[in-house]
Protein backbone atom coordinates (compact mmCIF):
# COMPACT_ATOMS: atom_id res chain seq x y z
CA MET A 1 -15.79 -18.69 1.94
CA ALA A 2 -15.64 -14.90 1.67
CA LEU A 3 -17.71 -14.35 4.80
CA LYS A 4 -15.59 -16.60 7.04
CA ARG A 5 -12.36 -15.08 5.75
CA ILE A 6 -13.65 -11.53 6.27
CA GLN A 7 -14.84 -12.39 9.80
CA ARG A 8 -11.42 -13.84 10.61
CA GLU A 9 -9.59 -10.79 9.24
CA LEU A 10 -11.87 -8.38 11.10
CA ALA A 11 -11.23 -10.23 14.36
CA GLU A 12 -7.49 -10.17 13.65
CA ILE A 13 -7.28 -6.45 12.86
CA THR A 14 -9.51 -5.61 15.85
CA LYS A 15 -7.48 -7.71 18.28
CA SER A 16 -4.02 -6.71 17.00
CA PRO A 17 -4.26 -3.61 14.80
CA PRO A 18 -1.10 -2.50 13.02
CA GLU A 19 0.32 0.69 14.52
CA GLY A 20 -1.63 3.75 13.40
CA ILE A 21 -4.27 1.69 11.58
CA SER A 22 -7.79 0.65 12.52
CA ALA A 23 -10.77 -0.85 10.73
CA THR A 24 -14.35 -1.71 11.51
CA THR A 25 -17.53 -2.62 9.69
CA VAL A 26 -20.00 -0.05 8.42
CA ASP A 27 -23.40 -0.69 10.01
CA GLU A 28 -22.31 -4.26 10.87
CA ASP A 29 -22.04 -5.12 7.15
CA LEU A 30 -19.04 -7.45 6.97
CA PHE A 31 -18.55 -6.67 3.27
CA ASN A 32 -18.19 -2.91 3.91
CA TRP A 33 -15.53 -1.54 6.22
CA ARG A 34 -14.19 1.83 7.16
CA ALA A 35 -10.50 2.10 7.96
CA THR A 36 -8.40 4.83 9.47
CA ILE A 37 -4.71 5.39 8.85
CA ASN A 38 -2.79 7.95 10.86
CA GLY A 39 -0.28 9.93 8.85
CA PRO A 40 3.14 8.33 9.46
CA PRO A 41 5.27 10.41 11.87
CA ASN A 42 8.16 10.68 9.39
CA SER A 43 6.03 11.87 6.49
CA VAL A 44 4.49 15.07 5.18
CA TYR A 45 1.15 13.56 6.28
CA LYS A 46 2.18 13.56 9.97
CA GLY A 47 -0.73 14.53 12.19
CA GLY A 48 -3.32 13.63 9.56
CA VAL A 49 -6.09 11.12 10.08
CA PHE A 50 -7.12 9.47 6.81
CA HIS A 51 -10.38 7.58 6.37
CA LEU A 52 -10.82 4.87 3.76
CA THR A 53 -13.59 2.59 2.57
CA ILE A 54 -13.03 -1.10 2.00
CA VAL A 55 -15.57 -3.04 -0.04
CA PHE A 56 -15.25 -6.81 -0.36
CA SER A 57 -16.87 -8.81 -3.14
CA HIS A 58 -18.32 -12.27 -2.60
CA ASP A 59 -15.27 -13.50 -4.55
CA TYR A 60 -12.90 -12.37 -1.80
CA PRO A 61 -10.12 -13.47 -1.21
CA PHE A 62 -9.77 -14.48 -4.85
CA LYS A 63 -10.36 -10.88 -5.93
CA PRO A 64 -8.91 -7.89 -4.10
CA PRO A 65 -11.16 -5.60 -2.07
CA ILE A 66 -11.85 -2.13 -3.41
CA ILE A 67 -10.13 0.35 -1.12
CA LYS A 68 -10.50 4.10 -1.53
CA PHE A 69 -9.60 7.18 0.44
CA ILE A 70 -12.56 9.16 1.72
CA THR A 71 -10.23 11.86 3.02
CA LYS A 72 -8.89 14.15 0.31
CA ILE A 73 -5.11 13.84 0.02
CA TYR A 74 -2.39 15.39 -2.14
CA HIS A 75 -0.40 12.34 -3.23
CA PRO A 76 0.90 11.05 -6.58
CA ASN A 77 -0.49 7.54 -6.02
CA ILE A 78 -3.98 8.56 -4.85
CA ASP A 79 -6.38 10.37 -7.17
CA ASN A 80 -9.20 12.81 -6.47
CA ASP A 81 -11.73 9.96 -6.33
CA GLY A 82 -9.66 8.26 -3.62
CA SER A 83 -8.44 5.43 -5.84
CA ILE A 84 -5.06 4.08 -4.80
CA CYS A 85 -2.27 2.85 -7.03
CA ILE A 86 -0.36 0.12 -5.24
CA ASP A 87 0.66 -3.22 -6.71
CA LEU A 88 -1.06 -5.29 -3.99
CA LEU A 89 -4.48 -4.11 -5.17
CA LYS A 90 -3.91 -4.82 -8.86
CA ALA A 91 -5.94 -7.82 -10.02
CA ASP A 92 -2.97 -9.41 -11.79
CA VAL A 93 -0.76 -9.08 -8.69
CA TRP A 94 -3.31 -9.87 -5.96
CA LYS A 95 -2.84 -13.16 -4.14
CA PRO A 96 -5.61 -14.81 -2.08
CA ALA A 97 -3.17 -15.15 0.84
CA THR A 98 -2.90 -11.34 1.10
CA LYS A 99 -4.73 -9.91 4.08
CA VAL A 100 -6.37 -6.52 4.53
CA HIS A 101 -3.98 -5.47 7.29
CA GLN A 102 -1.10 -6.04 4.85
CA VAL A 103 -2.76 -3.83 2.25
CA LEU A 104 -3.46 -1.10 4.80
CA GLY A 105 0.18 -1.33 5.88
CA ALA A 106 1.25 -0.92 2.25
CA ILE A 107 -0.98 2.14 1.94
CA ALA A 108 0.57 3.62 5.09
CA TYR A 109 3.98 2.88 3.55
CA ILE A 110 3.22 4.88 0.39
CA LEU A 111 2.17 7.81 2.55
CA GLU A 112 5.74 7.87 3.81
CA HIS A 113 7.32 6.79 0.51
CA PRO A 114 5.32 8.00 -2.51
CA ASN A 115 6.07 6.25 -5.80
CA PRO A 116 5.97 8.92 -8.51
CA ASP A 117 7.04 6.34 -11.13
CA ASP A 118 3.66 4.60 -10.74
CA ALA A 119 1.55 7.72 -10.33
CA LEU A 120 -2.20 8.04 -10.69
CA VAL A 121 -1.88 11.83 -10.69
CA ALA A 122 0.86 12.88 -13.10
CA SER A 123 0.74 16.54 -12.06
CA VAL A 124 1.39 15.66 -8.40
CA ALA A 125 4.18 13.28 -9.41
CA GLU A 126 5.79 16.05 -11.43
CA VAL A 127 5.71 18.44 -8.47
CA TYR A 128 7.09 15.65 -6.25
CA ASN A 129 9.96 15.03 -8.69
CA THR A 130 10.81 18.63 -9.52
CA ASN A 131 9.92 20.77 -6.50
CA GLN A 132 9.96 18.94 -3.16
CA ALA A 133 9.36 22.13 -1.17
CA LYS A 134 6.16 22.83 -3.12
CA PHE A 135 5.04 19.20 -2.77
CA VAL A 136 5.58 19.30 1.01
CA LYS A 137 3.73 22.63 1.30
CA LEU A 138 0.72 21.44 -0.74
CA ALA A 139 0.55 18.05 1.00
CA GLN A 140 0.69 19.66 4.45
CA GLU A 141 -1.94 22.24 3.49
CA ASN A 142 -4.24 19.37 2.47
CA VAL A 143 -3.58 17.57 5.76
CA LYS A 144 -4.56 20.69 7.73
CA LYS A 145 -7.63 21.30 5.58
CA TYR A 146 -8.99 17.75 5.16
CA ALA A 147 -7.28 15.23 7.45
CA THR A 148 -8.04 16.39 10.94
CA ALA A 149 -9.50 13.97 13.48
CA GLN A 150 -12.91 15.66 13.20
CA GLN A 151 -13.35 14.84 9.51
């Protein structure tokens, strides 16, 4: 079941990718994908190109895929290992009807709308909550340093 569902989702995201998002397999392995999310134009990540890994288990879609940022990012909901804190990826919230393009869209959404109340990185959330100018400066510095198209 996992293989057919993954094939269908790959065809879907290839044929009609959400704006600013793309995904493809790694070495034609359907269970391992690489995705790209462009920094949303109305965010501090504007101009950045962010690469992510997506790993599906054989239990997909009954278990969520593991999605991580490869590109370093300064964000309260994404830690230094690239782990992402969004409800859609939590095992107790995940629904088999959820599709990868929806999750990638939710990740793009948190780039524009960080959620410091559900932070993975408390120090970044604190800066976000107490000193927006510093947050913007540090996030934009990280975009310039790590999230260029050549990365």
